[in-house]
C-alpha atoms as a PDB file:
ATOM      1  CA  MET A   1      17.381 -17.813  16.065  1.00  0.00           C
ATOM      2  CA  LYS A   2      17.944 -21.378  14.924  1.00  0.00           C
ATOM      3  CA  THR A   3      19.318 -23.457  17.793  1.00  0.00           C
ATOM      4  CA  ASP A   4      20.003 -26.642  15.753  1.00  0.00           C
ATOM      5  CA  THR A   5      18.747 -28.896  18.511  1.00  0.00           C
ATOM      6  CA  VAL A   6      18.530 -31.914  16.193  1.00  0.00           C
ATOM      7  CA  PHE A   7      22.248 -31.743  15.410  1.00  0.00           C
ATOM      8  CA  LYS A   8      23.221 -31.193  19.040  1.00  0.00           C
ATOM      9  CA  ARG A   9      21.105 -34.074  20.253  1.00  0.00           C
ATOM     10  CA  ALA A  10      22.493 -36.334  17.503  1.00  0.00           C
ATOM     11  CA  PHE A  11      26.058 -35.297  18.383  1.00  0.00           C
ATOM     12  CA  ASN A  12      25.564 -36.260  22.034  1.00  0.00           C
ATOM     13  CA  ASP A  13      24.002 -39.557  20.964  1.00  0.00           C
ATOM     14  CA  ALA A  14      26.955 -40.162  18.622  1.00  0.00           C
ATOM     15  CA  LEU A  15      29.364 -39.714  21.536  1.00  0.00           C
ATOM     16  CA  ASP A  16      27.462 -42.410  23.449  1.00  0.00           C
ATOM     17  CA  LEU A  17      27.529 -44.625  20.370  1.00  0.00           C
ATOM     18  CA  ALA A  18      31.274 -44.128  19.816  1.00  0.00           C
ATOM     19  CA  GLY A  19      31.933 -45.256  23.364  1.00  0.00           C
ATOM     20  CA  ARG A  20      30.656 -48.714  22.422  1.00  0.00           C
ATOM     21  CA  PHE A  21      33.370 -49.195  19.784  1.00  0.00           C
ATOM     22  CA  ASP A  22      36.988 -50.221  20.315  1.00  0.00           C
ATOM     23  CA  ASP A  23      39.772 -47.833  19.381  1.00  0.00           C
ATOM     24  CA  GLY A  24      40.374 -48.152  15.643  1.00  0.00           C
ATOM     25  CA  ALA A  25      37.037 -49.830  14.919  1.00  0.00           C
ATOM     26  CA  PRO A  26      35.384 -48.936  11.579  1.00  0.00           C
ATOM     27  CA  LEU A  27      32.794 -46.190  11.777  1.00  0.00           C
ATOM     28  CA  PRO A  28      29.351 -47.345  10.548  1.00  0.00           C
ATOM     29  CA  SER A  29      28.222 -46.027   7.168  1.00  0.00           C
ATOM     30  CA  GLU A  30      26.138 -42.856   6.857  1.00  0.00           C
ATOM     31  CA  ASN A  31      23.022 -44.927   6.207  1.00  0.00           C
ATOM     32  CA  GLU A  32      23.645 -47.043   9.308  1.00  0.00           C
ATOM     33  CA  LEU A  33      24.350 -43.982  11.445  1.00  0.00           C
ATOM     34  CA  SER A  34      21.175 -42.361  10.139  1.00  0.00           C
ATOM     35  CA  VAL A  35      19.142 -45.323  11.463  1.00  0.00           C
ATOM     36  CA  MET A  36      21.074 -45.585  14.737  1.00  0.00           C
ATOM     37  CA  LEU A  37      20.771 -41.880  15.529  1.00  0.00           C
ATOM     38  CA  GLY A  38      17.299 -41.363  14.050  1.00  0.00           C
ATOM     39  CA  VAL A  39      18.325 -38.362  11.934  1.00  0.00           C
ATOM     40  CA  SER A  40      18.838 -37.540   8.260  1.00  0.00           C
ATOM     41  CA  ARG A  41      22.051 -38.281   6.375  1.00  0.00           C
ATOM     42  CA  THR A  42      22.656 -34.537   6.128  1.00  0.00           C
ATOM     43  CA  THR A  43      22.719 -34.294   9.918  1.00  0.00           C
ATOM     44  CA  VAL A  44      24.893 -37.424  10.090  1.00  0.00           C
ATOM     45  CA  ARG A  45      27.494 -35.785   7.824  1.00  0.00           C
ATOM     46  CA  LYS A  46      27.570 -32.730  10.055  1.00  0.00           C
ATOM     47  CA  VAL A  47      27.948 -34.890  13.167  1.00  0.00           C
ATOM     48  CA  VAL A  48      30.768 -36.951  11.632  1.00  0.00           C
ATOM     49  CA  ALA A  49      32.562 -33.818  10.475  1.00  0.00           C
ATOM     50  CA  THR A  50      32.378 -32.385  13.997  1.00  0.00           C
ATOM     51  CA  LEU A  51      33.612 -35.649  15.514  1.00  0.00           C
ATOM     52  CA  ALA A  52      36.515 -35.646  13.058  1.00  0.00           C
ATOM     53  CA  ALA A  53      37.368 -32.038  13.913  1.00  0.00           C
ATOM     54  CA  ARG A  54      37.526 -33.022  17.582  1.00  0.00           C
ATOM     55  CA  GLY A  55      39.726 -36.032  16.957  1.00  0.00           C
ATOM     56  CA  LEU A  56      37.209 -38.783  17.645  1.00  0.00           C
ATOM     57  CA  VAL A  57      37.025 -39.922  14.016  1.00  0.00           C
ATOM     58  CA  GLU A  58      39.885 -40.387  11.537  1.00  0.00           C
ATOM     59  CA  GLY A  59      40.036 -41.208   7.848  1.00  0.00           C
ATOM     60  CA  ALA A  60      37.623 -40.530   5.039  1.00  0.00           C
ATOM     61  CA  GLY A  61      34.740 -42.200   3.268  1.00  0.00           C
ATOM     62  CA  ARG A  62      34.404 -45.909   4.052  1.00  0.00           C
ATOM     63  CA  ARG A  63      37.787 -45.903   5.798  1.00  0.00           C
ATOM     64  CA  ARG A  64      36.724 -43.786   8.752  1.00  0.00           C
ATOM     65  CA  VAL A  65      37.628 -45.263  12.130  1.00  0.00           C
ATOM     66  CA  VAL A  66      36.752 -44.394  15.729  1.00  0.00           C
ATOM     67  CA  ARG A  67      39.538 -43.049  17.925  1.00  0.00           C
ATOM     68  CA  HIS A  68      39.566 -42.814  21.720  1.00  0.00           C
ATOM     69  CA  ALA A  69      42.714 -40.702  21.917  1.00  0.00           C
ATOM     70  CA  ILE A  70      40.837 -37.810  23.465  1.00  0.00           C
ATOM     71  CA  GLU A  71      39.648 -38.678  26.958  1.00  0.00           C
ATOM     72  CA  SER A  72      36.817 -36.189  27.194  1.00  0.00           C
ATOM     73  CA  ILE A  73      34.816 -34.660  24.365  1.00  0.00           C
ATOM     74  CA  PRO A  74      32.561 -31.799  25.560  1.00  0.00           C
ATOM     75  CA  ARG A  75      28.860 -32.543  25.178  1.00  0.00           C
ATOM     76  CA  PHE A  76      26.184 -30.022  24.375  1.00  0.00           C
ATOM     77  CA  PRO A  77      24.116 -29.068  27.444  1.00  0.00           C
ATOM     78  CA  GLU A  78      20.836 -30.961  27.670  1.00  0.00           C
ATOM     79  CA  ALA A  79      18.846 -27.725  27.487  1.00  0.00           C
ATOM     80  CA  GLU A  80      20.317 -27.086  24.015  1.00  0.00           C
ATOM     81  CA  THR A  81      19.250 -30.510  22.714  1.00  0.00           C
ATOM     82  CA  VAL A  82      15.562 -30.029  23.503  1.00  0.00           C
ATOM     83  CA  PRO A  83      13.535 -27.967  20.987  1.00  0.00           C
ATOM     84  CA  MET A  84      12.042 -24.770  22.384  1.00  0.00           C
ATOM     85  CA  ALA A  85       8.533 -26.020  21.582  1.00  0.00           C
ATOM     86  CA  ALA A  86       9.140 -29.101  23.744  1.00  0.00           C
ATOM     87  CA  GLN A  87      10.504 -26.950  26.577  1.00  0.00           C
ATOM     88  CA  VAL A  88       7.444 -24.685  26.466  1.00  0.00           C
ATOM     89  CA  GLU A  89       5.133 -27.708  26.407  1.00  0.00           C
ATOM     90  CA  LYS A  90       6.779 -29.294  29.451  1.00  0.00           C
ATOM     91  CA  ARG A  91       6.706 -26.061  31.465  1.00  0.00           C
ATOM     92  CA  PHE A  92       3.124 -25.327  30.458  1.00  0.00           C
ATOM     93  CA  MET A  93       1.945 -28.778  31.534  1.00  0.00           C
ATOM     94  CA  GLU A  94       3.784 -28.469  34.840  1.00  0.00           C
ATOM     95  CA  TRP A  95       2.155 -25.071  35.369  1.00  0.00           C
ATOM     96  CA  MET A  96      -1.329 -26.493  34.738  1.00  0.00           C
ATOM     97  CA  LEU A  97      -0.728 -29.373  37.128  1.00  0.00           C
ATOM     98  CA  ARG A  98       0.777 -27.183  39.828  1.00  0.00           C
ATOM     99  CA  ASP A  99      -2.098 -24.688  39.657  1.00  0.00           C
ATOM    100  CA  ASN A 100      -4.706 -27.461  39.292  1.00  0.00           C
ATOM    101  CA  ALA A 101      -6.121 -25.754  36.188  1.00  0.00           C
ATOM    102  CA  ARG A 102      -9.796 -26.341  35.470  1.00  0.00           C
ATOM    103  CA  PRO A 103     -12.203 -25.298  32.686  1.00  0.00           C
ATOM    104  CA  GLY A 104     -12.450 -21.517  32.772  1.00  0.00           C
ATOM    105  CA  THR A 105      -8.867 -20.997  33.990  1.00  0.00           C
ATOM    106  CA  ALA A 106      -7.409 -17.798  32.529  1.00  0.00           C
ATOM    107  CA  ILE A 107      -4.077 -18.050  30.710  1.00  0.00           C
ATOM    108  CA  ASN A 108      -1.961 -14.906  30.557  1.00  0.00           C
ATOM    109  CA  GLU A 109       0.760 -14.937  27.877  1.00  0.00           C
ATOM    110  CA  LEU A 110       2.918 -12.334  29.584  1.00  0.00           C
ATOM    111  CA  ASP A 111       2.801 -14.017  32.993  1.00  0.00           C
ATOM    112  CA  LEU A 112       3.729 -17.384  31.507  1.00  0.00           C
ATOM    113  CA  ALA A 113       6.535 -15.855  29.442  1.00  0.00           C
ATOM    114  CA  ARG A 114       8.005 -14.349  32.612  1.00  0.00           C
ATOM    115  CA  GLN A 115       7.695 -17.615  34.530  1.00  0.00           C
ATOM    116  CA  PHE A 116       9.229 -19.664  31.729  1.00  0.00           C
ATOM    117  CA  GLY A 117      11.899 -17.120  30.830  1.00  0.00           C
ATOM    118  CA  ILE A 118      11.008 -17.034  27.127  1.00  0.00           C
ATOM    119  CA  ALA A 119       9.452 -14.600  24.654  1.00  0.00           C
ATOM    120  CA  THR A 120       5.662 -14.252  24.535  1.00  0.00           C
ATOM    121  CA  THR A 121       5.758 -15.373  20.887  1.00  0.00           C
ATOM    122  CA  GLY A 122       6.832 -18.835  22.067  1.00  0.00           C
ATOM    123  CA  ILE A 123       3.824 -19.021  24.416  1.00  0.00           C
ATOM    124  CA  ARG A 124       1.475 -17.734  21.719  1.00  0.00           C
ATOM    125  CA  GLU A 125       2.674 -20.297  19.143  1.00  0.00           C
ATOM    126  CA  PHE A 126       2.130 -23.084  21.652  1.00  0.00           C
ATOM    127  CA  LEU A 127      -1.402 -21.941  22.541  1.00  0.00           C
ATOM    128  CA  ASN A 128      -2.353 -21.449  18.899  1.00  0.00           C
ATOM    129  CA  ARG A 129      -1.738 -25.150  18.233  1.00  0.00           C
ATOM    130  CA  PHE A 130      -4.507 -26.078  20.683  1.00  0.00           C
ATOM    131  CA  GLN A 131      -6.977 -23.353  19.792  1.00  0.00           C
ATOM    132  CA  ARG A 132      -8.114 -25.126  16.618  1.00  0.00           C
ATOM    133  CA  PHE A 133      -9.218 -28.141  18.663  1.00  0.00           C
ATOM    134  CA  GLY A 134     -11.449 -26.055  20.903  1.00  0.00           C
ATOM    135  CA  LEU A 135      -9.476 -26.752  24.062  1.00  0.00           C
ATOM    136  CA  ILE A 136      -8.237 -23.193  24.448  1.00  0.00           C
ATOM    137  CA  GLU A 137     -10.122 -20.078  23.439  1.00  0.00           C
ATOM    138  CA  LYS A 138      -8.729 -16.636  22.605  1.00  0.00           C
ATOM    139  CA  ARG A 139     -11.030 -13.923  23.893  1.00  0.00           C
ATOM    140  CA  PRO A 140     -10.734 -10.320  22.689  1.00  0.00           C
ATOM    141  CA  ASN A 141      -8.962  -8.142  25.266  1.00  0.00           C
ATOM    142  CA  ALA A 142      -9.177 -10.947  27.821  1.00  0.00           C
ATOM    143  CA  GLY A 143      -6.310 -13.271  26.948  1.00  0.00           C
ATOM    144  CA  TRP A 144      -6.717 -17.020  26.724  1.00  0.00           C
ATOM    145  CA  VAL A 145      -9.118 -19.325  28.559  1.00  0.00           C
ATOM    146  CA  PHE A 146      -8.732 -23.065  29.055  1.00  0.00           C
ATOM    147  CA  LYS A 147     -12.051 -24.708  28.157  1.00  0.00           C
ATOM    148  CA  GLY A 148     -11.394 -28.259  29.340  1.00  0.00           C
ATOM    149  CA  PHE A 149     -12.162 -31.682  27.911  1.00  0.00           C
ATOM    150  CA  THR A 150     -15.097 -34.046  27.644  1.00  0.00           C
ATOM    151  CA  THR A 151     -15.116 -37.836  27.709  1.00  0.00           C
ATOM    152  CA  LEU A 152     -16.450 -37.927  24.136  1.00  0.00           C
ATOM    153  CA  PHE A 153     -13.585 -35.740  22.933  1.00  0.00           C
ATOM    154  CA  ALA A 154     -11.057 -37.906  24.782  1.00  0.00           C
ATOM    155  CA  LEU A 155     -12.460 -41.173  23.385  1.00  0.00           C
ATOM    156  CA  GLU A 156     -12.279 -39.879  19.828  1.00  0.00           C
ATOM    157  CA  LEU A 157      -8.680 -38.825  20.303  1.00  0.00           C
ATOM    158  CA  PHE A 158      -7.872 -42.122  22.004  1.00  0.00           C
ATOM    159  CA  GLU A 159      -8.685 -43.986  18.799  1.00  0.00           C
ATOM    160  CA  ILE A 160      -5.936 -42.029  17.038  1.00  0.00           C
ATOM    161  CA  ARG A 161      -3.467 -42.677  19.837  1.00  0.00           C
ATOM    162  CA  GLU A 162      -4.189 -46.407  19.915  1.00  0.00           C
ATOM    163  CA  MET A 163      -3.773 -46.886  16.169  1.00  0.00           C
ATOM    164  CA  PHE A 164      -0.572 -44.896  16.052  1.00  0.00           C
ATOM    165  CA  GLU A 165       1.079 -46.407  19.115  1.00  0.00           C
ATOM    166  CA  LEU A 166       0.340 -49.990  18.095  1.00  0.00           C
ATOM    167  CA  ARG A 167       1.944 -49.237  14.746  1.00  0.00           C
ATOM    168  CA  SER A 168       4.941 -47.610  16.433  1.00  0.00           C
ATOM    169  CA  ALA A 169       5.364 -50.440  18.960  1.00  0.00           C
ATOM    170  CA  ARG A 170       5.577 -53.010  16.166  1.00  0.00           C
ATOM    171  CA  ALA A 171       8.144 -50.855  14.366  1.00  0.00           C
ATOM    172  CA  PHE A 172      10.177 -50.429  17.565  1.00  0.00           C
ATOM    173  CA  ALA A 173      10.373 -54.194  18.110  1.00  0.00           C
ATOM    174  CA  ALA A 174      11.669 -54.575  14.547  1.00  0.00           C
ATOM    175  CA  LEU A 175      14.550 -52.069  14.961  1.00  0.00           C
ATOM    176  CA  PRO A 176      18.102 -53.366  14.390  1.00  0.00           C
ATOM    177  CA  GLY A 177      19.746 -54.636  17.551  1.00  0.00           C
ATOM    178  CA  ASP A 178      22.351 -51.860  17.506  1.00  0.00           C
ATOM    179  CA  ALA A 179      19.857 -49.019  17.003  1.00  0.00           C
ATOM    180  CA  LEU A 180      20.182 -46.203  19.553  1.00  0.00           C
ATOM    181  CA  PRO A 181      16.539 -46.432  20.785  1.00  0.00           C
ATOM    182  CA  TRP A 182      17.358 -49.762  22.452  1.00  0.00           C
ATOM    183  CA  GLN A 183      19.914 -48.018  24.669  1.00  0.00           C
ATOM    184  CA  GLN A 184      17.403 -45.285  25.412  1.00  0.00           C
ATOM    185  CA  LEU A 185      14.776 -47.901  26.270  1.00  0.00           C
ATOM    186  CA  ALA A 186      17.189 -49.642  28.639  1.00  0.00           C
ATOM    187  CA  ALA A 187      17.858 -46.331  30.394  1.00  0.00           C
ATOM    188  CA  ILE A 188      14.134 -45.637  30.706  1.00  0.00           C
ATOM    189  CA  ARG A 189      13.595 -49.122  32.146  1.00  0.00           C
ATOM    190  CA  GLU A 190      16.122 -48.320  34.883  1.00  0.00           C
ATOM    191  CA  GLU A 191      14.279 -45.075  35.611  1.00  0.00           C
ATOM    192  CA  HIS A 192      11.034 -47.017  35.987  1.00  0.00           C
ATOM    193  CA  LEU A 193      12.636 -49.463  38.414  1.00  0.00           C
ATOM    194  CA  ALA A 194      14.153 -46.637  40.462  1.00  0.00           C
ATOM    195  CA  LEU A 195      10.826 -44.792  40.597  1.00  0.00           C
ATOM    196  CA  LEU A 196       8.977 -47.961  41.582  1.00  0.00           C
ATOM    197  CA  GLU A 197      11.385 -48.441  44.477  1.00  0.00           C
ATOM    198  CA  ASP A 198      10.677 -44.903  45.732  1.00  0.00           C
ATOM    199  CA  ILE A 199       7.020 -44.773  44.673  1.00  0.00           C
ATOM    200  CA  ALA A 200       5.741 -43.826  48.144  1.00  0.00           C
ATOM    201  CA  TRP A 201       7.217 -40.337  47.914  1.00  0.00           C
ATOM    202  CA  ARG A 202       8.151 -39.898  44.225  1.00  0.00           C
ATOM    203  CA  TYR A 203       4.896 -40.902  42.539  1.00  0.00           C
ATOM    204  CA  HIS A 204       4.433 -37.341  41.209  1.00  0.00           C
ATOM    205  CA  ASP A 205       7.511 -37.890  39.008  1.00  0.00           C
ATOM    206  CA  PHE A 206       5.662 -40.451  36.897  1.00  0.00           C
ATOM    207  CA  SER A 207       4.030 -37.900  34.586  1.00  0.00           C
ATOM    208  CA  ASP A 208       7.311 -36.860  32.958  1.00  0.00           C
ATOM    209  CA  LEU A 209       8.596 -40.441  32.734  1.00  0.00           C
ATOM    210  CA  ASP A 210       5.307 -41.559  31.194  1.00  0.00           C
ATOM    211  CA  SER A 211       5.553 -38.903  28.505  1.00  0.00           C
ATOM    212  CA  ARG A 212       9.174 -39.703  27.652  1.00  0.00           C
ATOM    213  CA  PHE A 213       8.497 -43.441  27.419  1.00  0.00           C
ATOM    214  CA  HIS A 214       5.601 -43.078  24.987  1.00  0.00           C
ATOM    215  CA  ARG A 215       7.474 -40.506  22.919  1.00  0.00           C
ATOM    216  CA  LEU A 216      10.366 -42.951  22.596  1.00  0.00           C
ATOM    217  CA  VAL A 217       8.049 -45.725  21.401  1.00  0.00           C
ATOM    218  CA  ASN A 218       6.364 -43.406  18.920  1.00  0.00           C
ATOM    219  CA  SER A 219       9.718 -42.175  17.588  1.00  0.00           C
ATOM    220  CA  ALA A 220      10.267 -45.601  15.985  1.00  0.00           C
ATOM    221  CA  GLN A 221       7.714 -44.824  13.270  1.00  0.00           C
ATOM    222  CA  PRO A 222       7.781 -41.061  12.526  1.00  0.00           C
ATOM    223  CA  ASN A 223       4.772 -39.623  10.731  1.00  0.00           C
ATOM    224  CA  ARG A 224       4.631 -35.914   9.964  1.00  0.00           C
ATOM    225  CA  PHE A 225       0.837 -35.819  10.182  1.00  0.00           C
ATOM    226  CA  ILE A 226       0.559 -37.711  13.453  1.00  0.00           C
ATOM    227  CA  ASP A 227       3.406 -35.646  14.909  1.00  0.00           C
ATOM    228  CA  GLY A 228       1.210 -32.576  14.495  1.00  0.00           C
ATOM    229  CA  PHE A 229      -1.352 -34.117  16.861  1.00  0.00           C
ATOM    230  CA  TYR A 230       1.088 -35.425  19.435  1.00  0.00           C
ATOM    231  CA  ASP A 231       1.197 -32.257  21.540  1.00  0.00           C
ATOM    232  CA  LEU A 232      -2.551 -32.569  21.971  1.00  0.00           C
ATOM    233  CA  ILE A 233      -2.279 -36.277  22.757  1.00  0.00           C
ATOM    234  CA  THR A 234       0.385 -35.511  25.354  1.00  0.00           C
ATOM    235  CA  LEU A 235      -1.724 -32.825  26.980  1.00  0.00           C
ATOM    236  CA  ILE A 236      -4.662 -35.155  27.488  1.00  0.00           C
ATOM    237  CA  PHE A 237      -3.148 -38.573  28.080  1.00  0.00           C
ATOM    238  CA  HIS A 238       0.018 -37.700  29.950  1.00  0.00           C
ATOM    239  CA  TYR A 239      -1.232 -34.806  32.069  1.00  0.00           C
ATOM    240  CA  HIS A 240      -4.992 -34.419  32.224  1.00  0.00           C
ATOM    241  CA  TYR A 241      -5.747 -37.567  34.182  1.00  0.00           C
ATOM    242  CA  GLN A 242      -3.292 -36.331  36.827  1.00  0.00           C
ATOM    243  CA  TRP A 243      -5.913 -33.783  37.864  1.00  0.00           C
ATOM    244  CA  ASN A 244      -7.897 -36.610  39.410  1.00  0.00           C
ATOM    245  CA  LYS A 245      -5.855 -36.857  42.616  1.00  0.00           C
ATOM    246  CA  GLN A 246      -7.839 -39.771  44.025  1.00  0.00           C
ATOM    247  CA  ASP A 247      -5.639 -42.887  44.250  1.00  0.00           C
ATOM    248  CA  GLU A 248      -2.931 -41.112  42.246  1.00  0.00           C
ATOM    249  CA  ARG A 249      -0.113 -43.019  43.916  1.00  0.00           C
ATOM    250  CA  GLN A 250      -1.762 -46.400  43.306  1.00  0.00           C
ATOM    251  CA  ARG A 251      -2.658 -45.520  39.719  1.00  0.00           C
ATOM    252  CA  ASN A 252       0.884 -44.455  38.946  1.00  0.00           C
ATOM    253  CA  GLU A 253       2.325 -47.604  40.474  1.00  0.00           C
ATOM    254  CA  VAL A 254       0.018 -49.744  38.336  1.00  0.00           C
ATOM    255  CA  ALA A 255       1.018 -47.773  35.236  1.00  0.00           C
ATOM    256  CA  ILE A 256       4.735 -48.207  36.019  1.00  0.00           C
ATOM    257  CA  ARG A 257       4.298 -51.967  36.278  1.00  0.00           C
ATOM    258  CA  GLU A 258       2.369 -51.986  33.006  1.00  0.00           C
ATOM    259  CA  HIS A 259       5.192 -50.017  31.391  1.00  0.00           C
ATOM    260  CA  LEU A 260       7.742 -52.558  32.620  1.00  0.00           C
ATOM    261  CA  VAL A 261       5.746 -55.412  31.085  1.00  0.00           C
ATOM    262  CA  TYR A 262       5.460 -53.363  27.876  1.00  0.00           C
ATOM    263  CA  ILE A 263       9.232 -52.669  27.879  1.00  0.00           C
ATOM    264  CA  GLU A 264      10.105 -56.333  28.391  1.00  0.00           C
ATOM    265  CA  ALA A 265       7.817 -57.237  25.502  1.00  0.00           C
ATOM    266  CA  LEU A 266       9.630 -54.738  23.280  1.00  0.00           C
ATOM    267  CA  PHE A 267      13.000 -56.218  24.245  1.00  0.00           C
ATOM    268  CA  GLY A 268      11.592 -59.665  23.442  1.00  0.00           C
ATOM    269  CA  THR A 269      10.762 -58.417  19.895  1.00  0.00           C
ATOM    270  CA  ASN A 270       7.839 -60.839  19.609  1.00  0.00           C
ATOM    271  CA  ALA A 271       5.179 -58.932  17.678  1.00  0.00           C
ATOM    272  CA  SER A 272       2.249 -60.727  19.355  1.00  0.00           C
ATOM    273  CA  MET A 273       3.572 -60.105  22.869  1.00  0.00           C
ATOM    274  CA  VAL A 274       4.322 -56.469  22.054  1.00  0.00           C
ATOM    275  CA  GLU A 275       0.788 -55.911  20.784  1.00  0.00           C
ATOM    276  CA  LEU A 276      -0.694 -57.671  23.818  1.00  0.00           C
ATOM    277  CA  ALA A 277       1.297 -55.550  26.294  1.00  0.00           C
ATOM    278  CA  CYS A 278       0.606 -52.351  24.372  1.00  0.00           C
ATOM    279  CA  ARG A 279      -3.144 -52.977  24.172  1.00  0.00           C
ATOM    280  CA  ALA A 280      -3.345 -53.882  27.875  1.00  0.00           C
ATOM    281  CA  HIS A 281      -1.622 -50.667  28.927  1.00  0.00           C
ATOM    282  CA  LEU A 282      -3.659 -48.485  26.565  1.00  0.00           C
ATOM    283  CA  ALA A 283      -6.897 -50.057  27.790  1.00  0.00           C
ATOM    284  CA  SER A 284      -5.942 -49.204  31.367  1.00  0.00           C
ATOM    285  CA  ALA A 285      -5.007 -45.641  30.370  1.00  0.00           C
ATOM    286  CA  ARG A 286      -8.319 -45.305  28.549  1.00  0.00           C
ATOM    287  CA  GLN A 287     -10.324 -46.181  31.661  1.00  0.00           C
ATOM    288  CA  THR A 288      -8.253 -43.793  33.783  1.00  0.00           C
ATOM    289  CA  LEU A 289      -8.900 -41.012  31.305  1.00  0.00           C
ATOM    290  CA  ILE A 290     -12.640 -41.669  31.217  1.00  0.00           C
ATOM    291  CA  ARG A 291     -12.828 -41.410  35.005  1.00  0.00           C
ATOM    292  CA  ALA A 292     -10.791 -38.194  34.971  1.00  0.00           C
ATOM    293  CA  THR A 293     -12.899 -36.428  32.353  1.00  0.00           C
ATOM    294  CA  ALA A 294     -16.357 -37.630  33.417  1.00  0.00           C
ATOM    295  CA  GLY A 295     -16.810 -34.897  36.000  1.00  0.00           C
ATOM    296  CA  GLU A 296     -16.315 -32.090  33.482  1.00  0.00           C
ATOM    297  CA  GLU A 297     -19.280 -32.832  31.219  1.00  0.00           C
ATOM    298  CA  THR A 298     -22.769 -31.458  31.073  1.00  0.00           C
ATOM    299  CA  PRO A 299     -25.653 -34.000  31.321  1.00  0.00           C
ATOM    300  CA  SER A 300     -26.184 -33.947  27.535  1.00  0.00           C
ATOM    301  CA  GLN A 301     -22.469 -34.487  26.910  1.00  0.00           C
ATOM    302  CA  LYS A 302     -22.429 -37.425  29.330  1.00  0.00           C
ATOM    303  CA  SER A 303     -25.347 -38.984  27.460  1.00  0.00           C
ATOM    304  CA  ARG A 304     -23.498 -38.712  24.139  1.00  0.00           C
ATOM    305  CA  SER A 305     -20.333 -40.098  25.723  1.00  0.00           C
ATOM    306  CA  ARG A 306     -22.172 -43.166  27.062  1.00  0.00           C
ATOM    307  CA  LEU A 307     -23.624 -43.751  23.612  1.00  0.00           C
ATOM    308  CA  ALA A 308     -20.173 -43.408  22.026  1.00  0.00           C
ATOM    309  CA  LYS A 309     -18.665 -45.946  24.433  1.00  0.00           C
ATOM    310  CA  LYS A 310     -21.429 -48.455  23.713  1.00  0.00           C
ATOM    311  CA  THR A 311     -20.785 -48.249  19.957  1.00  0.00           C
ATOM    312  CA  ARG A 312     -17.047 -48.984  20.321  1.00  0.00           C
END
């Protein structure tokens, strides 16, 4: 069943956007709304039509105006604005962290489906995306098995992440000043500050915030081919290093402060400063990842990994 999460998310974002305009102010054009909301013009038309049906927009064509006559417009629940694949991913990662999954950990589709409250087909589709990379293996009559990572594998993938995020960070800094991602970035900055204040007992909450921040940055420069790899990138860079519990609180605090520097650079929109902050944070994340994966390699794999690092 199609849940139309893109439309629902865009509708909620449009409500936030409308709140910034005075009563009777002109509604931005479809092209402008497409950029502000990060969706296609087809979705924009559907959003505007729904807003008009609910009395928040009046007029037609270029003469549409925003109305605040209705005090409260119902929003779609947050759960309906998140694609099922993203929900499965988040729950799966939380499950692996909670159970401290290691190479050789068995993965049972039916058990996960019951825990997550979804159909087994949703679990199977998610696992199939990772099988081709050799991280998860399907064994006949034995379900799935998590095979783990190596430092060499992580370093190769890191090159893709670094190239893509640097590109996305530059694009983010060049967004129009009224683009919706700036509001989302401001909200994420406040979440970072709140988490930093309570870091002593909330440091475990960083994993989700980390993922959402990097996804927001990467959303500034969509690429259908890179998007296909992002689930894998998320699995490794936003969750795997969490399995190394040593100094987790300190590491997360350092990462939060790096994020804040990165965020301020984005708000400054200076391309050189953005690249500097992005590279500094990615270099730190790279070292954290290397330390986290080093213990999972065989001696021959460690030798190849050392050689790979020397050639970079």
